Amino acid sequence: MKKKGGRKILGFMVKEEKEENRGSVEFQVFSFTNKIRRLASHLELHKKDFSSERGLRILLGKRRRLLAYWQRKIEYVIRN
């Protein structure tokens, strides 16, 4: 185990992260979801942080469009 910035990081976890396809639709949706959760919890504490609220709305729109694309892609594969 290595310590980096106060966090313990397992070697195999770092290796798995590098092997992921970060450009895939699944990974992007997962990434947006994590960011949205973080921002939502931040906004519960800081109700008047309108800049973060705007960022949250932008992320929600990006994720919604990406999910719509993913659904169209899956439907296309099923049909053909």
PDB file of N, CA and C in Angstrom:
ATOM      1  N   MET A   1       0.819  -1.180   0.000  1.00  0.00           N
ATOM      2  CA  MET A   1       0.000   0.000   0.000  1.00  0.00           C
ATOM      3  C   MET A   1       0.867   1.248   0.000  1.00  0.00           C
ATOM      4  N   LYS A   2       0.443   2.221  -0.754  1.00  0.00           N
ATOM      5  CA  LYS A   2       1.158   3.484  -0.784  1.00  0.00           C
ATOM      6  C   LYS A   2       0.277   4.558  -0.181  1.00  0.00           C
ATOM      7  N   LYS A   3       0.895   5.528   0.426  1.00  0.00           N
ATOM      8  CA  LYS A   3       0.144   6.667   0.923  1.00  0.00           C
ATOM      9  C   LYS A   3       0.415   7.844   0.011  1.00  0.00           C
ATOM     10  N   LYS A   4      -0.657   8.468  -0.422  1.00  0.00           N
ATOM     11  CA  LYS A   4      -0.496   9.618  -1.296  1.00  0.00           C
ATOM     12  C   LYS A   4      -1.495  10.677  -0.849  1.00  0.00           C
ATOM     13  N   GLY A   5      -1.007  11.763  -0.336  1.00  0.00           N
ATOM     14  CA  GLY A   5      -1.882  12.835   0.096  1.00  0.00           C
ATOM     15  C   GLY A   5      -2.797  12.422   1.240  1.00  0.00           C
ATOM     16  N   GLY A   6      -2.321  11.538   2.122  1.00  0.00           N
ATOM     17  CA  GLY A   6      -3.126  11.122   3.247  1.00  0.00           C
ATOM     18  C   GLY A   6      -4.078   9.976   2.926  1.00  0.00           C
ATOM     19  N   ARG A   7      -4.114   9.537   1.691  1.00  0.00           N
ATOM     20  CA  ARG A   7      -5.004   8.446   1.303  1.00  0.00           C
ATOM     21  C   ARG A   7      -4.183   7.196   1.022  1.00  0.00           C
ATOM     22  N   LYS A   8      -4.743   6.078   1.359  1.00  0.00           N
ATOM     23  CA  LYS A   8      -4.087   4.807   1.051  1.00  0.00           C
ATOM     24  C   LYS A   8      -4.582   4.356  -0.309  1.00  0.00           C
ATOM     25  N   ILE A   9      -3.656   4.051  -1.179  1.00  0.00           N
ATOM     26  CA  ILE A   9      -4.002   3.607  -2.527  1.00  0.00           C
ATOM     27  C   ILE A   9      -3.415   2.223  -2.739  1.00  0.00           C
ATOM     28  N   LEU A  10      -4.282   1.303  -3.141  1.00  0.00           N
ATOM     29  CA  LEU A  10      -3.809  -0.036  -3.463  1.00  0.00           C
ATOM     30  C   LEU A  10      -3.267  -0.030  -4.877  1.00  0.00           C
ATOM     31  N   GLY A  11      -2.204  -0.737  -5.108  1.00  0.00           N
ATOM     32  CA  GLY A  11      -1.565  -0.754  -6.418  1.00  0.00           C
ATOM     33  C   GLY A  11      -2.465  -1.251  -7.524  1.00  0.00           C
ATOM     34  N   PHE A  12      -3.256  -2.287  -7.250  1.00  0.00           N
ATOM     35  CA  PHE A  12      -4.096  -2.840  -8.307  1.00  0.00           C
ATOM     36  C   PHE A  12      -5.235  -1.887  -8.676  1.00  0.00           C
ATOM     37  N   MET A  13      -5.689  -1.044  -7.744  1.00  0.00           N
ATOM     38  CA  MET A  13      -6.758  -0.094  -8.054  1.00  0.00           C
ATOM     39  C   MET A  13      -6.276   0.958  -9.034  1.00  0.00           C
ATOM     40  N   VAL A  14      -5.049   1.379  -8.878  1.00  0.00           N
ATOM     41  CA  VAL A  14      -4.484   2.369  -9.787  1.00  0.00           C
ATOM     42  C   VAL A  14      -4.337   1.768 -11.177  1.00  0.00           C
ATOM     43  N   LYS A  15      -3.922   0.513 -11.236  1.00  0.00           N
ATOM     44  CA  LYS A  15      -3.742  -0.163 -12.514  1.00  0.00           C
ATOM     45  C   LYS A  15      -5.079  -0.322 -13.237  1.00  0.00           C
ATOM     46  N   GLU A  16      -6.138  -0.690 -12.502  1.00  0.00           N
ATOM     47  CA  GLU A  16      -7.459  -0.844 -13.106  1.00  0.00           C
ATOM     48  C   GLU A  16      -7.953   0.475 -13.678  1.00  0.00           C
ATOM     49  N   GLU A  17      -7.695   1.561 -12.984  1.00  0.00           N
ATOM     50  CA  GLU A  17      -8.130   2.870 -13.442  1.00  0.00           C
ATOM     51  C   GLU A  17      -7.513   3.210 -14.795  1.00  0.00           C
ATOM     52  N   LYS A  18      -6.264   2.850 -14.992  1.00  0.00           N
ATOM     53  CA  LYS A  18      -5.582   3.147 -16.242  1.00  0.00           C
ATOM     54  C   LYS A  18      -6.133   2.309 -17.392  1.00  0.00           C
ATOM     55  N   GLU A  19      -6.622   1.097 -17.087  1.00  0.00           N
ATOM     56  CA  GLU A  19      -7.107   0.204 -18.119  1.00  0.00           C
ATOM     57  C   GLU A  19      -8.521   0.547 -18.577  1.00  0.00           C
ATOM     58  N   GLU A  20      -9.258   1.350 -17.795  1.00  0.00           N
ATOM     59  CA  GLU A  20     -10.619   1.704 -18.174  1.00  0.00           C
ATOM     60  C   GLU A  20     -10.618   2.549 -19.436  1.00  0.00           C
ATOM     61  N   ASN A  21     -11.684   2.393 -20.202  1.00  0.00           N
ATOM     62  CA  ASN A  21     -11.852   3.210 -21.397  1.00  0.00           C
ATOM     63  C   ASN A  21     -12.601   4.470 -20.990  1.00  0.00           C
ATOM     64  N   ARG A  22     -11.881   5.526 -20.735  1.00  0.00           N
ATOM     65  CA  ARG A  22     -12.491   6.751 -20.217  1.00  0.00           C
ATOM     66  C   ARG A  22     -13.324   7.480 -21.252  1.00  0.00           C
ATOM     67  N   GLY A  23     -13.206   7.095 -22.505  1.00  0.00           N
ATOM     68  CA  GLY A  23     -14.000   7.726 -23.540  1.00  0.00           C
ATOM     69  C   GLY A  23     -15.319   7.019 -23.782  1.00  0.00           C
ATOM     70  N   SER A  24     -15.528   5.875 -23.143  1.00  0.00           N
ATOM     71  CA  SER A  24     -16.764   5.128 -23.371  1.00  0.00           C
ATOM     72  C   SER A  24     -17.950   5.871 -22.768  1.00  0.00           C
ATOM     73  N   VAL A  25     -19.109   5.630 -23.337  1.00  0.00           N
ATOM     74  CA  VAL A  25     -20.329   6.283 -22.864  1.00  0.00           C
ATOM     75  C   VAL A  25     -20.605   5.887 -21.418  1.00  0.00           C
ATOM     76  N   GLU A  26     -20.413   4.613 -21.103  1.00  0.00           N
ATOM     77  CA  GLU A  26     -20.686   4.121 -19.753  1.00  0.00           C
ATOM     78  C   GLU A  26     -19.831   4.841 -18.722  1.00  0.00           C
ATOM     79  N   PHE A  27     -18.551   4.980 -19.024  1.00  0.00           N
ATOM     80  CA  PHE A  27     -17.650   5.638 -18.075  1.00  0.00           C
ATOM     81  C   PHE A  27     -18.004   7.115 -17.921  1.00  0.00           C
ATOM     82  N   GLN A  28     -18.361   7.780 -19.018  1.00  0.00           N
ATOM     83  CA  GLN A  28     -18.712   9.194 -18.946  1.00  0.00           C
ATOM     84  C   GLN A  28     -19.974   9.406 -18.120  1.00  0.00           C
ATOM     85  N   VAL A  29     -20.967   8.544 -18.297  1.00  0.00           N
ATOM     86  CA  VAL A  29     -22.196   8.649 -17.500  1.00  0.00           C
ATOM     87  C   VAL A  29     -21.868   8.429 -16.028  1.00  0.00           C
ATOM     88  N   PHE A  30     -21.049   7.434 -15.743  1.00  0.00           N
ATOM     89  CA  PHE A  30     -20.625   7.155 -14.368  1.00  0.00           C
ATOM     90  C   PHE A  30     -19.895   8.356 -13.765  1.00  0.00           C
ATOM     91  N   SER A  31     -19.012   8.946 -14.548  1.00  0.00           N
ATOM     92  CA  SER A  31     -18.247  10.103 -14.083  1.00  0.00           C
ATOM     93  C   SER A  31     -19.154  11.298 -13.812  1.00  0.00           C
ATOM     94  N   PHE A  32     -20.084  11.580 -14.742  1.00  0.00           N
ATOM     95  CA  PHE A  32     -21.021  12.686 -14.546  1.00  0.00           C
ATOM     96  C   PHE A  32     -21.890  12.444 -13.312  1.00  0.00           C
ATOM     97  N   THR A  33     -22.312  11.209 -13.098  1.00  0.00           N
ATOM     98  CA  THR A  33     -23.155  10.888 -11.946  1.00  0.00           C
ATOM     99  C   THR A  33     -22.410  11.161 -10.646  1.00  0.00           C
ATOM    100  N   ASN A  34     -21.151  10.780 -10.587  1.00  0.00           N
ATOM    101  CA  ASN A  34     -20.358  11.046  -9.378  1.00  0.00           C
ATOM    102  C   ASN A  34     -20.197  12.539  -9.136  1.00  0.00           C
ATOM    103  N   LYS A  35     -19.929  13.297 -10.197  1.00  0.00           N
ATOM    104  CA  LYS A  35     -19.791  14.748 -10.054  1.00  0.00           C
ATOM    105  C   LYS A  35     -21.102  15.376  -9.597  1.00  0.00           C
ATOM    106  N   ILE A  36     -22.216  14.889 -10.141  1.00  0.00           N
ATOM    107  CA  ILE A  36     -23.527  15.420  -9.776  1.00  0.00           C
ATOM    108  C   ILE A  36     -23.818  15.156  -8.307  1.00  0.00           C
ATOM    109  N   ARG A  37     -23.510  13.965  -7.849  1.00  0.00           N
ATOM    110  CA  ARG A  37     -23.726  13.643  -6.427  1.00  0.00           C
ATOM    111  C   ARG A  37     -22.902  14.538  -5.515  1.00  0.00           C
ATOM    112  N   ARG A  38     -21.633  14.763  -5.906  1.00  0.00           N
ATOM    113  CA  ARG A  38     -20.764  15.631  -5.103  1.00  0.00           C
ATOM    114  C   ARG A  38     -21.304  17.055  -5.050  1.00  0.00           C
ATOM    115  N   LEU A  39     -21.710  17.568  -6.212  1.00  0.00           N
ATOM    116  CA  LEU A  39     -22.236  18.933  -6.255  1.00  0.00           C
ATOM    117  C   LEU A  39     -23.548  19.052  -5.493  1.00  0.00           C
ATOM    118  N   ALA A  40     -24.400  18.047  -5.578  1.00  0.00           N
ATOM    119  CA  ALA A  40     -25.683  18.080  -4.868  1.00  0.00           C
ATOM    120  C   ALA A  40     -25.458  18.121  -3.362  1.00  0.00           C
ATOM    121  N   SER A  41     -24.519  17.325  -2.875  1.00  0.00           N
ATOM    122  CA  SER A  41     -24.242  17.348  -1.435  1.00  0.00           C
ATOM    123  C   SER A  41     -23.615  18.683  -1.028  1.00  0.00           C
ATOM    124  N   HIS A  42     -22.801  19.261  -1.901  1.00  0.00           N
ATOM    125  CA  HIS A  42     -22.206  20.569  -1.628  1.00  0.00           C
ATOM    126  C   HIS A  42     -23.301  21.640  -1.536  1.00  0.00           C
ATOM    127  N   LEU A  43     -24.268  21.553  -2.440  1.00  0.00           N
ATOM    128  CA  LEU A  43     -25.332  22.563  -2.469  1.00  0.00           C
ATOM    129  C   LEU A  43     -26.295  22.438  -1.292  1.00  0.00           C
ATOM    130  N   GLU A  44     -26.372  21.263  -0.682  1.00  0.00           N
ATOM    131  CA  GLU A  44     -27.183  21.126   0.526  1.00  0.00           C
ATOM    132  C   GLU A  44     -26.613  21.966   1.654  1.00  0.00           C
ATOM    133  N   LEU A  45     -25.295  22.070   1.703  1.00  0.00           N
ATOM    134  CA  LEU A  45     -24.638  22.877   2.742  1.00  0.00           C
ATOM    135  C   LEU A  45     -24.573  24.353   2.375  1.00  0.00           C
ATOM    136  N   HIS A  46     -24.368  24.638   1.094  1.00  0.00           N
ATOM    137  CA  HIS A  46     -24.170  26.014   0.630  1.00  0.00           C
ATOM    138  C   HIS A  46     -25.303  26.370  -0.333  1.00  0.00           C
ATOM    139  N   LYS A  47     -26.444  26.727   0.225  1.00  0.00           N
ATOM    140  CA  LYS A  47     -27.654  26.954  -0.569  1.00  0.00           C
ATOM    141  C   LYS A  47     -27.548  28.166  -1.494  1.00  0.00           C
ATOM    142  N   LYS A  48     -26.702  29.110  -1.186  1.00  0.00           N
ATOM    143  CA  LYS A  48     -26.611  30.322  -2.006  1.00  0.00           C
ATOM    144  C   LYS A  48     -25.425  30.319  -2.966  1.00  0.00           C
ATOM    145  N   ASP A  49     -24.844  29.173  -3.191  1.00  0.00           N
ATOM    146  CA  ASP A  49     -23.728  29.052  -4.123  1.00  0.00           C
ATOM    147  C   ASP A  49     -24.301  28.852  -5.528  1.00  0.00           C
ATOM    148  N   PHE A  50     -24.608  29.958  -6.170  1.00  0.00           N
ATOM    149  CA  PHE A  50     -25.294  29.911  -7.455  1.00  0.00           C
ATOM    150  C   PHE A  50     -24.369  29.479  -8.589  1.00  0.00           C
ATOM    151  N   SER A  51     -23.090  29.686  -8.458  1.00  0.00           N
ATOM    152  CA  SER A  51     -22.147  29.231  -9.481  1.00  0.00           C
ATOM    153  C   SER A  51     -22.113  27.704  -9.543  1.00  0.00           C
ATOM    154  N   SER A  52     -22.086  27.082  -8.378  1.00  0.00           N
ATOM    155  CA  SER A  52     -22.103  25.621  -8.348  1.00  0.00           C
ATOM    156  C   SER A  52     -23.447  25.083  -8.822  1.00  0.00           C
ATOM    157  N   GLU A  53     -24.507  25.798  -8.534  1.00  0.00           N
ATOM    158  CA  GLU A  53     -25.831  25.379  -8.994  1.00  0.00           C
ATOM    159  C   GLU A  53     -25.892  25.394 -10.519  1.00  0.00           C
ATOM    160  N   ARG A  54     -25.292  26.421 -11.111  1.00  0.00           N
ATOM    161  CA  ARG A  54     -25.244  26.495 -12.568  1.00  0.00           C
ATOM    162  C   ARG A  54     -24.422  25.335 -13.136  1.00  0.00           C
ATOM    163  N   GLY A  55     -23.304  25.051 -12.500  1.00  0.00           N
ATOM    164  CA  GLY A  55     -22.481  23.923 -12.928  1.00  0.00           C
ATOM    165  C   GLY A  55     -23.230  22.604 -12.828  1.00  0.00           C
ATOM    166  N   LEU A  56     -24.036  22.459 -11.773  1.00  0.00           N
ATOM    167  CA  LEU A  56     -24.840  21.248 -11.605  1.00  0.00           C
ATOM    168  C   LEU A  56     -25.857  21.123 -12.735  1.00  0.00           C
ATOM    169  N   ARG A  57     -26.509  22.222 -13.081  1.00  0.00           N
ATOM    170  CA  ARG A  57     -27.495  22.180 -14.168  1.00  0.00           C
ATOM    171  C   ARG A  57     -26.832  21.820 -15.499  1.00  0.00           C
ATOM    172  N   ILE A  58     -25.637  22.338 -15.738  1.00  0.00           N
ATOM    173  CA  ILE A  58     -24.906  22.015 -16.966  1.00  0.00           C
ATOM    174  C   ILE A  58     -24.571  20.528 -17.011  1.00  0.00           C
ATOM    175  N   LEU A  59     -24.083  19.992 -15.887  1.00  0.00           N
ATOM    176  CA  LEU A  59     -23.752  18.563 -15.826  1.00  0.00           C
ATOM    177  C   LEU A  59     -24.986  17.695 -16.015  1.00  0.00           C
ATOM    178  N   LEU A  60     -26.117  18.106 -15.433  1.00  0.00           N
ATOM    179  CA  LEU A  60     -27.353  17.342 -15.591  1.00  0.00           C
ATOM    180  C   LEU A  60     -27.761  17.278 -17.059  1.00  0.00           C
ATOM    181  N   GLY A  61     -27.618  18.402 -17.756  1.00  0.00           N
ATOM    182  CA  GLY A  61     -27.951  18.436 -19.182  1.00  0.00           C
ATOM    183  C   GLY A  61     -27.026  17.557 -20.003  1.00  0.00           C
ATOM    184  N   LYS A  62     -25.737  17.611 -19.694  1.00  0.00           N
ATOM    185  CA  LYS A  62     -24.774  16.774 -20.422  1.00  0.00           C
ATOM    186  C   LYS A  62     -25.074  15.294 -20.214  1.00  0.00           C
ATOM    187  N   ARG A  63     -25.358  14.927 -18.950  1.00  0.00           N
ATOM    188  CA  ARG A  63     -25.646  13.524 -18.670  1.00  0.00           C
ATOM    189  C   ARG A  63     -26.946  13.087 -19.354  1.00  0.00           C
ATOM    190  N   ARG A  64     -27.957  13.960 -19.341  1.00  0.00           N
ATOM    191  CA  ARG A  64     -29.228  13.623 -19.983  1.00  0.00           C
ATOM    192  C   ARG A  64     -29.043  13.382 -21.478  1.00  0.00           C
ATOM    193  N   ARG A  65     -28.267  14.251 -22.140  1.00  0.00           N
ATOM    194  CA  ARG A  65     -28.010  14.073 -23.574  1.00  0.00           C
ATOM    195  C   ARG A  65     -27.206  12.805 -23.846  1.00  0.00           C
ATOM    196  N   LEU A  66     -26.231  12.529 -22.989  1.00  0.00           N
ATOM    197  CA  LEU A  66     -25.416  11.334 -23.155  1.00  0.00           C
ATOM    198  C   LEU A  66     -26.257  10.064 -22.956  1.00  0.00           C
ATOM    199  N   LEU A  67     -27.173  10.074 -21.985  1.00  0.00           N
ATOM    200  CA  LEU A  67     -28.049   8.924 -21.767  1.00  0.00           C
ATOM    201  C   LEU A  67     -28.988   8.723 -22.958  1.00  0.00           C
ATOM    202  N   ALA A  68     -29.466   9.813 -23.540  1.00  0.00           N
ATOM    203  CA  ALA A  68     -30.327   9.707 -24.725  1.00  0.00           C
ATOM    204  C   ALA A  68     -29.542   9.109 -25.889  1.00  0.00           C
ATOM    205  N   TYR A  69     -28.295   9.542 -26.062  1.00  0.00           N
ATOM    206  CA  TYR A  69     -27.437   8.991 -27.116  1.00  0.00           C
ATOM    207  C   TYR A  69     -27.214   7.503 -26.889  1.00  0.00           C
ATOM    208  N   TRP A  70     -26.932   7.134 -25.653  1.00  0.00           N
ATOM    209  CA  TRP A  70     -26.665   5.745 -25.298  1.00  0.00           C
ATOM    210  C   TRP A  70     -27.888   4.880 -25.592  1.00  0.00           C
ATOM    211  N   GLN A  71     -29.067   5.387 -25.265  1.00  0.00           N
ATOM    212  CA  GLN A  71     -30.290   4.643 -25.526  1.00  0.00           C
ATOM    213  C   GLN A  71     -30.504   4.442 -27.028  1.00  0.00           C
ATOM    214  N   ARG A  72     -30.273   5.497 -27.820  1.00  0.00           N
ATOM    215  CA  ARG A  72     -30.400   5.366 -29.276  1.00  0.00           C
ATOM    216  C   ARG A  72     -29.400   4.353 -29.816  1.00  0.00           C
ATOM    217  N   LYS A  73     -28.190   4.380 -29.284  1.00  0.00           N
ATOM    218  CA  LYS A  73     -27.148   3.463 -29.715  1.00  0.00           C
ATOM    219  C   LYS A  73     -27.538   2.014 -29.421  1.00  0.00           C
ATOM    220  N   ILE A  74     -28.068   1.762 -28.250  1.00  0.00           N
ATOM    221  CA  ILE A  74     -28.482   0.409 -27.870  1.00  0.00           C
ATOM    222  C   ILE A  74     -29.657  -0.044 -28.734  1.00  0.00           C
ATOM    223  N   GLU A  75     -30.627   0.834 -28.954  1.00  0.00           N
ATOM    224  CA  GLU A  75     -31.776   0.474 -29.797  1.00  0.00           C
ATOM    225  C   GLU A  75     -31.329   0.143 -31.217  1.00  0.00           C
ATOM    226  N   TYR A  76     -30.376   0.859 -31.740  1.00  0.00           N
ATOM    227  CA  TYR A  76     -29.852   0.603 -33.075  1.00  0.00           C
ATOM    228  C   TYR A  76     -29.205  -0.779 -33.132  1.00  0.00           C
ATOM    229  N   VAL A  77     -28.433  -1.119 -32.120  1.00  0.00           N
ATOM    230  CA  VAL A  77     -27.749  -2.412 -32.082  1.00  0.00           C
ATOM    231  C   VAL A  77     -28.772  -3.541 -31.988  1.00  0.00           C
ATOM    232  N   ILE A  78     -29.824  -3.345 -31.204  1.00  0.00           N
ATOM    233  CA  ILE A  78     -30.843  -4.379 -31.044  1.00  0.00           C
ATOM    234  C   ILE A  78     -31.589  -4.609 -32.352  1.00  0.00           C
ATOM    235  N   ARG A  79     -31.913  -3.521 -33.064  1.00  0.00           N
ATOM    236  CA  ARG A  79     -32.649  -3.641 -34.318  1.00  0.00           C
ATOM    237  C   ARG A  79     -31.842  -4.336 -35.408  1.00  0.00           C
ATOM    238  N   ASN A  80     -30.553  -4.107 -35.442  1.00  0.00           N
ATOM    239  CA  ASN A  80     -29.726  -4.656 -36.528  1.00  0.00           C
ATOM    240  C   ASN A  80     -29.065  -5.896 -36.106  1.00  0.00           C
TER     241      ASN A  80
END
